Full PDB file with SEQRES, HELIX, SHEET, SSBOND, CRYST1, ORIGX, SCALE, CONECT and MASTER records, all heavy atoms in Angstrom:
SEQRES   1 A   33  VAL PRO ASN ASN ALA MET ARG GLN THR ARG VAL GLY MET          
SEQRES   2 A   33  LEU SER HIS TRP LYS GLY CYS ALA PHE ALA ASN ALA SER          
SEQRES   3 A   33  ARG ASN ALA LEU PHE ALA ALA                                  
HELIX    1 AA1 ARG A    7  ARG A   10  5                                   4    
HELIX    2 AA2 HIS A   16  GLY A   19  5                                   4    
HELIX    3 AA3 ALA A   21  ALA A   32  1                                  12    
CRYST1    1.000    1.000    1.000  90.00  90.00  90.00 P 1           1          
ORIGX1      1.000000  0.000000  0.000000        0.00000                         
ORIGX2      0.000000  1.000000  0.000000        0.00000                         
ORIGX3      0.000000  0.000000  1.000000        0.00000                         
SCALE1      1.000000  0.000000  0.000000        0.00000                         
SCALE2      0.000000  1.000000  0.000000        0.00000                         
SCALE3      0.000000  0.000000  1.000000        0.00000                         
ATOM      1  N   VAL A   1      34.845 -50.780  20.269  1.00  0.00           N  
ATOM      2  CA  VAL A   1      36.253 -51.011  19.933  1.00  0.00           C  
ATOM      3  C   VAL A   1      37.128 -51.243  21.171  1.00  0.00           C  
ATOM      4  O   VAL A   1      37.929 -52.173  21.190  1.00  0.00           O  
ATOM      5  CB  VAL A   1      36.786 -49.820  19.074  1.00  0.00           C  
ATOM      6  CG1 VAL A   1      38.311 -49.892  18.950  1.00  0.00           C  
ATOM      7  CG2 VAL A   1      36.159 -49.866  17.682  1.00  0.00           C  
ATOM      8  N   PRO A   2      36.987 -50.452  22.247  1.00  0.00           N  
ATOM      9  CA  PRO A   2      37.927 -50.639  23.368  1.00  0.00           C  
ATOM     10  C   PRO A   2      37.508 -51.636  24.435  1.00  0.00           C  
ATOM     11  O   PRO A   2      38.251 -51.841  25.385  1.00  0.00           O  
ATOM     12  CB  PRO A   2      38.007 -49.217  23.968  1.00  0.00           C  
ATOM     13  CG  PRO A   2      36.681 -48.610  23.684  1.00  0.00           C  
ATOM     14  CD  PRO A   2      36.209 -49.208  22.388  1.00  0.00           C  
ATOM     15  N   ASN A   3      36.344 -52.267  24.312  1.00  0.00           N  
ATOM     16  CA  ASN A   3      35.813 -52.983  25.472  1.00  0.00           C  
ATOM     17  C   ASN A   3      35.364 -54.407  25.142  1.00  0.00           C  
ATOM     18  O   ASN A   3      34.209 -54.783  25.335  1.00  0.00           O  
ATOM     19  CB  ASN A   3      34.622 -52.217  26.052  1.00  0.00           C  
ATOM     20  CG  ASN A   3      35.025 -50.846  26.582  1.00  0.00           C  
ATOM     21  OD1 ASN A   3      35.956 -50.752  27.369  1.00  0.00           O  
ATOM     22  ND2 ASN A   3      34.343 -49.799  26.142  1.00  0.00           N  
ATOM     23  N   ASN A   4      36.306 -55.229  24.681  1.00  0.00           N  
ATOM     24  CA  ASN A   4      35.999 -56.629  24.419  1.00  0.00           C  
ATOM     25  C   ASN A   4      36.517 -57.471  25.581  1.00  0.00           C  
ATOM     26  O   ASN A   4      37.694 -57.447  25.918  1.00  0.00           O  
ATOM     27  CB  ASN A   4      36.651 -57.060  23.102  1.00  0.00           C  
ATOM     28  CG  ASN A   4      36.056 -56.315  21.919  1.00  0.00           C  
ATOM     29  OD1 ASN A   4      34.868 -56.460  21.624  1.00  0.00           O  
ATOM     30  ND2 ASN A   4      36.844 -55.466  21.277  1.00  0.00           N  
ATOM     31  N   ALA A   5      35.588 -58.218  26.215  1.00  0.00           N  
ATOM     32  CA  ALA A   5      35.886 -58.918  27.457  1.00  0.00           C  
ATOM     33  C   ALA A   5      36.316 -60.363  27.197  1.00  0.00           C  
ATOM     34  O   ALA A   5      35.660 -61.086  26.450  1.00  0.00           O  
ATOM     35  CB  ALA A   5      34.660 -58.904  28.362  1.00  0.00           C  
ATOM     36  N   MET A   6      37.382 -60.806  27.855  1.00  0.00           N  
ATOM     37  CA  MET A   6      37.881 -62.163  27.699  1.00  0.00           C  
ATOM     38  C   MET A   6      37.041 -63.162  28.484  1.00  0.00           C  
ATOM     39  O   MET A   6      36.587 -62.872  29.587  1.00  0.00           O  
ATOM     40  CB  MET A   6      39.343 -62.248  28.130  1.00  0.00           C  
ATOM     41  CG  MET A   6      40.296 -61.489  27.218  1.00  0.00           C  
ATOM     42  SD  MET A   6      42.039 -61.777  27.641  1.00  0.00           S  
ATOM     43  CE  MET A   6      42.137 -60.897  29.202  1.00  0.00           C  
ATOM     44  N   ARG A   7      36.870 -64.327  27.931  1.00  0.00           N  
ATOM     45  CA  ARG A   7      36.051 -65.386  28.541  1.00  0.00           C  
ATOM     46  C   ARG A   7      36.699 -65.948  29.810  1.00  0.00           C  
ATOM     47  O   ARG A   7      36.045 -66.673  30.578  1.00  0.00           O  
ATOM     48  CB  ARG A   7      35.863 -66.518  27.511  1.00  0.00           C  
ATOM     49  CG  ARG A   7      35.008 -67.665  27.998  1.00  0.00           C  
ATOM     50  CD  ARG A   7      33.550 -67.296  28.126  1.00  0.00           C  
ATOM     51  NE  ARG A   7      32.761 -68.377  28.673  1.00  0.00           N  
ATOM     52  CZ  ARG A   7      31.485 -68.273  29.001  1.00  0.00           C  
ATOM     53  NH1 ARG A   7      30.854 -67.142  28.806  1.00  0.00           N  
ATOM     54  NH2 ARG A   7      30.825 -69.291  29.503  1.00  0.00           N  
ATOM     55  N   GLN A   8      37.936 -65.570  30.097  1.00  0.00           N  
ATOM     56  CA  GLN A   8      38.582 -66.029  31.310  1.00  0.00           C  
ATOM     57  C   GLN A   8      37.749 -65.686  32.556  1.00  0.00           C  
ATOM     58  O   GLN A   8      37.903 -66.343  33.597  1.00  0.00           O  
ATOM     59  CB  GLN A   8      39.981 -65.407  31.421  1.00  0.00           C  
ATOM     60  CG  GLN A   8      40.841 -65.999  32.525  1.00  0.00           C  
ATOM     61  CD  GLN A   8      41.086 -67.494  32.350  1.00  0.00           C  
ATOM     62  OE1 GLN A   8      41.262 -67.976  31.239  1.00  0.00           O  
ATOM     63  NE2 GLN A   8      41.104 -68.243  33.471  1.00  0.00           N  
ATOM     64  N   THR A   9      36.889 -64.703  32.424  1.00  0.00           N  
ATOM     65  CA  THR A   9      35.976 -64.360  33.516  1.00  0.00           C  
ATOM     66  C   THR A   9      35.248 -65.591  34.043  1.00  0.00           C  
ATOM     67  O   THR A   9      34.983 -65.701  35.251  1.00  0.00           O  
ATOM     68  CB  THR A   9      34.928 -63.331  33.010  1.00  0.00           C  
ATOM     69  OG1 THR A   9      35.619 -62.114  32.698  1.00  0.00           O  
ATOM     70  CG2 THR A   9      33.878 -63.031  34.062  1.00  0.00           C  
ATOM     71  N   ARG A  10      34.879 -66.541  33.166  1.00  0.00           N  
ATOM     72  CA  ARG A  10      34.022 -67.672  33.534  1.00  0.00           C  
ATOM     73  C   ARG A  10      34.703 -69.030  33.370  1.00  0.00           C  
ATOM     74  O   ARG A  10      34.038 -70.025  33.165  1.00  0.00           O  
ATOM     75  CB  ARG A  10      32.734 -67.613  32.685  1.00  0.00           C  
ATOM     76  CG  ARG A  10      31.705 -66.692  33.276  1.00  0.00           C  
ATOM     77  CD  ARG A  10      30.640 -66.250  32.264  1.00  0.00           C  
ATOM     78  NE  ARG A  10      30.704 -64.846  32.019  1.00  0.00           N  
ATOM     79  CZ  ARG A  10      30.219 -63.909  32.833  1.00  0.00           C  
ATOM     80  NH1 ARG A  10      29.629 -64.263  33.942  1.00  0.00           N  
ATOM     81  NH2 ARG A  10      30.305 -62.632  32.554  1.00  0.00           N  
ATOM     82  N   VAL A  11      36.010 -69.057  33.507  1.00  0.00           N  
ATOM     83  CA  VAL A  11      36.773 -70.288  33.352  1.00  0.00           C  
ATOM     84  C   VAL A  11      37.540 -70.593  34.642  1.00  0.00           C  
ATOM     85  O   VAL A  11      38.087 -69.689  35.279  1.00  0.00           O  
ATOM     86  CB  VAL A  11      37.767 -70.186  32.170  1.00  0.00           C  
ATOM     87  CG1 VAL A  11      38.642 -71.429  32.089  1.00  0.00           C  
ATOM     88  CG2 VAL A  11      36.999 -70.005  30.862  1.00  0.00           C  
ATOM     89  N   GLY A  12      37.585 -71.881  35.019  1.00  0.00           N  
ATOM     90  CA  GLY A  12      38.328 -72.270  36.216  1.00  0.00           C  
ATOM     91  C   GLY A  12      37.595 -71.850  37.490  1.00  0.00           C  
ATOM     92  O   GLY A  12      36.371 -71.777  37.532  1.00  0.00           O  
ATOM     93  N   MET A  13      38.359 -71.586  38.554  1.00  0.00           N  
ATOM     94  CA  MET A  13      37.770 -71.101  39.814  1.00  0.00           C  
ATOM     95  C   MET A  13      37.367 -69.649  39.608  1.00  0.00           C  
ATOM     96  O   MET A  13      38.209 -68.791  39.300  1.00  0.00           O  
ATOM     97  CB  MET A  13      38.767 -71.244  40.953  1.00  0.00           C  
ATOM     98  CG  MET A  13      38.115 -71.178  42.324  1.00  0.00           C  
ATOM     99  SD  MET A  13      36.978 -72.565  42.657  1.00  0.00           S  
ATOM    100  CE  MET A  13      38.133 -73.922  42.885  1.00  0.00           C  
ATOM    101  N   LEU A  14      36.083 -69.363  39.788  1.00  0.00           N  
ATOM    102  CA  LEU A  14      35.588 -68.025  39.427  1.00  0.00           C  
ATOM    103  C   LEU A  14      35.761 -67.053  40.588  1.00  0.00           C  
ATOM    104  O   LEU A  14      35.732 -67.411  41.758  1.00  0.00           O  
ATOM    105  CB  LEU A  14      34.115 -68.119  39.044  1.00  0.00           C  
ATOM    106  CG  LEU A  14      33.783 -69.103  37.906  1.00  0.00           C  
ATOM    107  CD1 LEU A  14      32.333 -68.924  37.462  1.00  0.00           C  
ATOM    108  CD2 LEU A  14      34.720 -68.953  36.727  1.00  0.00           C  
ATOM    109  N   SER A  15      35.876 -65.783  40.221  1.00  0.00           N  
ATOM    110  CA  SER A  15      36.139 -64.714  41.176  1.00  0.00           C  
ATOM    111  C   SER A  15      34.953 -63.773  41.274  1.00  0.00           C  
ATOM    112  O   SER A  15      33.924 -63.970  40.609  1.00  0.00           O  
ATOM    113  CB  SER A  15      37.376 -63.911  40.714  1.00  0.00           C  
ATOM    114  OG  SER A  15      37.055 -63.161  39.541  1.00  0.00           O  
ATOM    115  N   HIS A  16      35.104 -62.723  42.074  1.00  0.00           N  
ATOM    116  CA  HIS A  16      34.068 -61.689  42.168  1.00  0.00           C  
ATOM    117  C   HIS A  16      33.688 -61.137  40.782  1.00  0.00           C  
ATOM    118  O   HIS A  16      32.548 -60.756  40.558  1.00  0.00           O  
ATOM    119  CB  HIS A  16      34.553 -60.506  43.006  1.00  0.00           C  
ATOM    120  CG  HIS A  16      34.580 -60.780  44.484  1.00  0.00           C  
ATOM    121  ND1 HIS A  16      35.252 -59.958  45.356  1.00  0.00           N  
ATOM    122  CD2 HIS A  16      34.031 -61.761  45.240  1.00  0.00           C  
ATOM    123  CE1 HIS A  16      35.116 -60.425  46.602  1.00  0.00           C  
ATOM    124  NE2 HIS A  16      34.365 -61.519  46.529  1.00  0.00           N  
ATOM    125  N   TRP A  17      34.675 -61.082  39.892  1.00  0.00           N  
ATOM    126  CA  TRP A  17      34.449 -60.394  38.614  1.00  0.00           C  
ATOM    127  C   TRP A  17      33.362 -61.075  37.768  1.00  0.00           C  
ATOM    128  O   TRP A  17      32.748 -60.434  36.934  1.00  0.00           O  
ATOM    129  CB  TRP A  17      35.757 -60.327  37.810  1.00  0.00           C  
ATOM    130  CG  TRP A  17      35.634 -59.432  36.613  1.00  0.00           C  
ATOM    131  CD1 TRP A  17      35.611 -59.770  35.311  1.00  0.00           C  
ATOM    132  CD2 TRP A  17      35.477 -58.000  36.644  1.00  0.00           C  
ATOM    133  NE1 TRP A  17      35.471 -58.663  34.505  1.00  0.00           N  
ATOM    134  CE2 TRP A  17      35.387 -57.553  35.301  1.00  0.00           C  
ATOM    135  CE3 TRP A  17      35.412 -57.038  37.662  1.00  0.00           C  
ATOM    136  CZ2 TRP A  17      35.244 -56.205  34.957  1.00  0.00           C  
ATOM    137  CZ3 TRP A  17      35.260 -55.704  37.322  1.00  0.00           C  
ATOM    138  CH2 TRP A  17      35.176 -55.304  35.988  1.00  0.00           C  
ATOM    139  N   LYS A  18      33.082 -62.348  38.040  1.00  0.00           N  
ATOM    140  CA  LYS A  18      32.006 -63.037  37.284  1.00  0.00           C  
ATOM    141  C   LYS A  18      30.718 -62.248  37.326  1.00  0.00           C  
ATOM    142  O   LYS A  18      30.020 -62.116  36.342  1.00  0.00           O  
ATOM    143  CB  LYS A  18      31.799 -64.447  37.848  1.00  0.00           C  
ATOM    144  CG  LYS A  18      30.780 -65.278  37.110  1.00  0.00           C  
ATOM    145  CD  LYS A  18      29.403 -65.249  37.725  1.00  0.00           C  
ATOM    146  CE  LYS A  18      29.322 -66.042  38.993  1.00  0.00           C  
ATOM    147  NZ  LYS A  18      27.941 -66.038  39.551  1.00  0.00           N  
ATOM    148  N   GLY A  19      30.401 -61.674  38.508  1.00  0.00           N  
ATOM    149  CA  GLY A  19      29.166 -60.914  38.648  1.00  0.00           C  
ATOM    150  C   GLY A  19      29.318 -59.435  38.347  1.00  0.00           C  
ATOM    151  O   GLY A  19      28.357 -58.662  38.520  1.00  0.00           O  
ATOM    152  N   CYS A  20      30.500 -59.020  37.923  1.00  0.00           N  
ATOM    153  CA  CYS A  20      30.763 -57.610  37.697  1.00  0.00           C  
ATOM    154  C   CYS A  20      31.023 -57.276  36.228  1.00  0.00           C  
ATOM    155  O   CYS A  20      31.060 -56.098  35.855  1.00  0.00           O  
ATOM    156  CB  CYS A  20      32.000 -57.159  38.492  1.00  0.00           C  
ATOM    157  SG  CYS A  20      31.904 -57.459  40.283  1.00  0.00           S  
ATOM    158  N   ALA A  21      31.213 -58.286  35.390  1.00  0.00           N  
ATOM    159  CA  ALA A  21      31.701 -58.063  34.045  1.00  0.00           C  
ATOM    160  C   ALA A  21      30.724 -57.253  33.197  1.00  0.00           C  
ATOM    161  O   ALA A  21      31.132 -56.345  32.464  1.00  0.00           O  
ATOM    162  CB  ALA A  21      31.985 -59.405  33.364  1.00  0.00           C  
ATOM    163  N   PHE A  22      29.420 -57.556  33.289  1.00  0.00           N  
ATOM    164  CA  PHE A  22      28.492 -56.742  32.491  1.00  0.00           C  
ATOM    165  C   PHE A  22      28.313 -55.363  33.111  1.00  0.00           C  
ATOM    166  O   PHE A  22      28.091 -54.373  32.397  1.00  0.00           O  
ATOM    167  CB  PHE A  22      27.131 -57.426  32.340  1.00  0.00           C  
ATOM    168  CG  PHE A  22      26.338 -56.849  31.190  1.00  0.00           C  
ATOM    169  CD1 PHE A  22      26.148 -57.590  30.023  1.00  0.00           C  
ATOM    170  CD2 PHE A  22      25.756 -55.586  31.262  1.00  0.00           C  
ATOM    171  CE1 PHE A  22      25.435 -57.073  28.956  1.00  0.00           C  
ATOM    172  CE2 PHE A  22      25.024 -55.061  30.207  1.00  0.00           C  
ATOM    173  CZ  PHE A  22      24.864 -55.798  29.048  1.00  0.00           C  
ATOM    174  N   ALA A  23      28.420 -55.270  34.430  1.00  0.00           N  
ATOM    175  CA  ALA A  23      28.349 -53.943  35.061  1.00  0.00           C  
ATOM    176  C   ALA A  23      29.428 -53.051  34.488  1.00  0.00           C  
ATOM    177  O   ALA A  23      29.222 -51.834  34.326  1.00  0.00           O  
ATOM    178  CB  ALA A  23      28.506 -54.089  36.577  1.00  0.00           C  
ATOM    179  N   ASN A  24      30.579 -53.602  34.177  1.00  0.00           N  
ATOM    180  CA  ASN A  24      31.635 -52.840  33.548  1.00  0.00           C  
ATOM    181  C   ASN A  24      31.218 -52.388  32.144  1.00  0.00           C  
ATOM    182  O   ASN A  24      31.511 -51.271  31.725  1.00  0.00           O  
ATOM    183  CB  ASN A  24      32.915 -53.666  33.475  1.00  0.00           C  
ATOM    184  CG  ASN A  24      34.113 -52.889  33.018  1.00  0.00           C  
ATOM    185  OD1 ASN A  24      34.453 -51.870  33.615  1.00  0.00           O  
ATOM    186  ND2 ASN A  24      34.770 -53.354  31.976  1.00  0.00           N  
ATOM    187  N   ALA A  25      30.523 -53.267  31.415  1.00  0.00           N  
ATOM    188  CA  ALA A  25      30.013 -52.883  30.094  1.00  0.00           C  
ATOM    189  C   ALA A  25      28.998 -51.752  30.226  1.00  0.00           C  
ATOM    190  O   ALA A  25      28.950 -50.840  29.390  1.00  0.00           O  
ATOM    191  CB  ALA A  25      29.364 -54.097  29.409  1.00  0.00           C  
ATOM    192  N   SER A  26      28.184 -51.790  31.280  1.00  0.00           N  
ATOM    193  CA  SER A  26      27.207 -50.716  31.513  1.00  0.00           C  
ATOM    194  C   SER A  26      27.931 -49.395  31.796  1.00  0.00           C  
ATOM    195  O   SER A  26      27.512 -48.346  31.298  1.00  0.00           O  
ATOM    196  CB  SER A  26      26.305 -51.069  32.686  1.00  0.00           C  
ATOM    197  OG  SER A  26      25.507 -52.192  32.386  1.00  0.00           O  
ATOM    198  N   ARG A  27      28.959 -49.443  32.602  1.00  0.00           N  
ATOM    199  CA  ARG A  27      29.735 -48.239  32.895  1.00  0.00           C  
ATOM    200  C   ARG A  27      30.293 -47.676  31.610  1.00  0.00           C  
ATOM    201  O   ARG A  27      30.205 -46.466  31.327  1.00  0.00           O  
ATOM    202  CB  ARG A  27      30.865 -48.575  33.879  1.00  0.00           C  
ATOM    203  CG  ARG A  27      31.736 -47.374  34.220  1.00  0.00           C  
ATOM    204  CD  ARG A  27      32.910 -47.801  35.072  1.00  0.00           C  
ATOM    205  NE  ARG A  27      33.846 -48.628  34.292  1.00  0.00           N  
ATOM    206  CZ  ARG A  27      35.021 -49.017  34.750  1.00  0.00           C  
ATOM    207  NH1 ARG A  27      35.426 -48.689  35.964  1.00  0.00           N  
ATOM    208  NH2 ARG A  27      35.818 -49.759  33.995  1.00  0.00           N  
ATOM    209  N   ASN A  28      30.884 -48.536  30.784  1.00  0.00           N  
ATOM    210  CA  ASN A  28      31.469 -48.084  29.531  1.00  0.00           C  
ATOM    211  C   ASN A  28      30.422 -47.551  28.558  1.00  0.00           C  
ATOM    212  O   ASN A  28      30.699 -46.639  27.758  1.00  0.00           O  
ATOM    213  CB  ASN A  28      32.253 -49.238  28.890  1.00  0.00           C  
ATOM    214  CG  ASN A  28      33.419 -49.686  29.725  1.00  0.00           C  
ATOM    215  OD1 ASN A  28      33.983 -48.908  30.494  1.00  0.00           O  
ATOM    216  ND2 ASN A  28      33.807 -50.951  29.600  1.00  0.00           N  
ATOM    217  N   ALA A  29      29.231 -48.143  28.614  1.00  0.00           N  
ATOM    218  CA  ALA A  29      28.143 -47.672  27.733  1.00  0.00           C  
ATOM    219  C   ALA A  29      27.755 -46.231  28.035  1.00  0.00           C  
ATOM    220  O   ALA A  29      27.555 -45.421  27.134  1.00  0.00           O  
ATOM    221  CB  ALA A  29      26.942 -48.603  27.887  1.00  0.00           C  
ATOM    222  N   LEU A  30      27.631 -45.922  29.336  1.00  0.00           N  
ATOM    223  CA  LEU A  30      27.307 -44.543  29.714  1.00  0.00           C  
ATOM    224  C   LEU A  30      28.379 -43.592  29.266  1.00  0.00           C  
ATOM    225  O   LEU A  30      28.109 -42.467  28.769  1.00  0.00           O  
ATOM    226  CB  LEU A  30      27.130 -44.462  31.235  1.00  0.00           C  
ATOM    227  CG  LEU A  30      25.704 -44.548  31.784  1.00  0.00           C  
ATOM    228  CD1 LEU A  30      24.864 -43.361  31.334  1.00  0.00           C  
ATOM    229  CD2 LEU A  30      25.041 -45.842  31.415  1.00  0.00           C  
ATOM    230  N   PHE A  31      29.651 -43.983  29.435  1.00  0.00           N  
ATOM    231  CA  PHE A  31      30.768 -43.129  29.052  1.00  0.00           C  
ATOM    232  C   PHE A  31      30.737 -42.874  27.551  1.00  0.00           C  
ATOM    233  O   PHE A  31      30.882 -41.711  27.096  1.00  0.00           O  
ATOM    234  CB  PHE A  31      32.071 -43.809  29.449  1.00  0.00           C  
ATOM    235  CG  PHE A  31      33.304 -42.968  29.257  1.00  0.00           C  
ATOM    236  CD1 PHE A  31      33.472 -41.765  29.928  1.00  0.00           C  
ATOM    237  CD2 PHE A  31      34.332 -43.391  28.409  1.00  0.00           C  
ATOM    238  CE1 PHE A  31      34.622 -40.999  29.769  1.00  0.00           C  
ATOM    239  CE2 PHE A  31      35.471 -42.626  28.240  1.00  0.00           C  
ATOM    240  CZ  PHE A  31      35.619 -41.423  28.922  1.00  0.00           C  
ATOM    241  N   ALA A  32      30.527 -43.919  26.764  1.00  0.00           N  
ATOM    242  CA  ALA A  32      30.494 -43.775  25.301  1.00  0.00           C  
ATOM    243  C   ALA A  32      29.317 -42.908  24.857  1.00  0.00           C  
ATOM    244  O   ALA A  32      29.468 -42.022  23.999  1.00  0.00           O  
ATOM    245  CB  ALA A  32      30.418 -45.141  24.648  1.00  0.00           C  
ATOM    246  N   ALA A  33      28.140 -43.149  25.434  1.00  0.00           N  
ATOM    247  CA  ALA A  33      26.949 -42.398  25.026  1.00  0.00           C  
ATOM    248  C   ALA A  33      27.106 -40.906  25.364  1.00  0.00           C  
ATOM    249  O   ALA A  33      26.727 -40.027  24.561  1.00  0.00           O  
ATOM    250  CB  ALA A  33      25.721 -42.959  25.724  1.00  0.00           C  
TER     251      ALA A  33                                                      
MASTER        0    0    0    3    0    0    0    6  250    1    0    3          
END                                                                             
């Protein structure tokens, strides 16, 4: 419910976050579990 990621991560000139977005999902997964 709280962790839906916007596709802006991979649009236009890409930033560091492109390689970090799923890592954030992993962090949230541990917290939820």
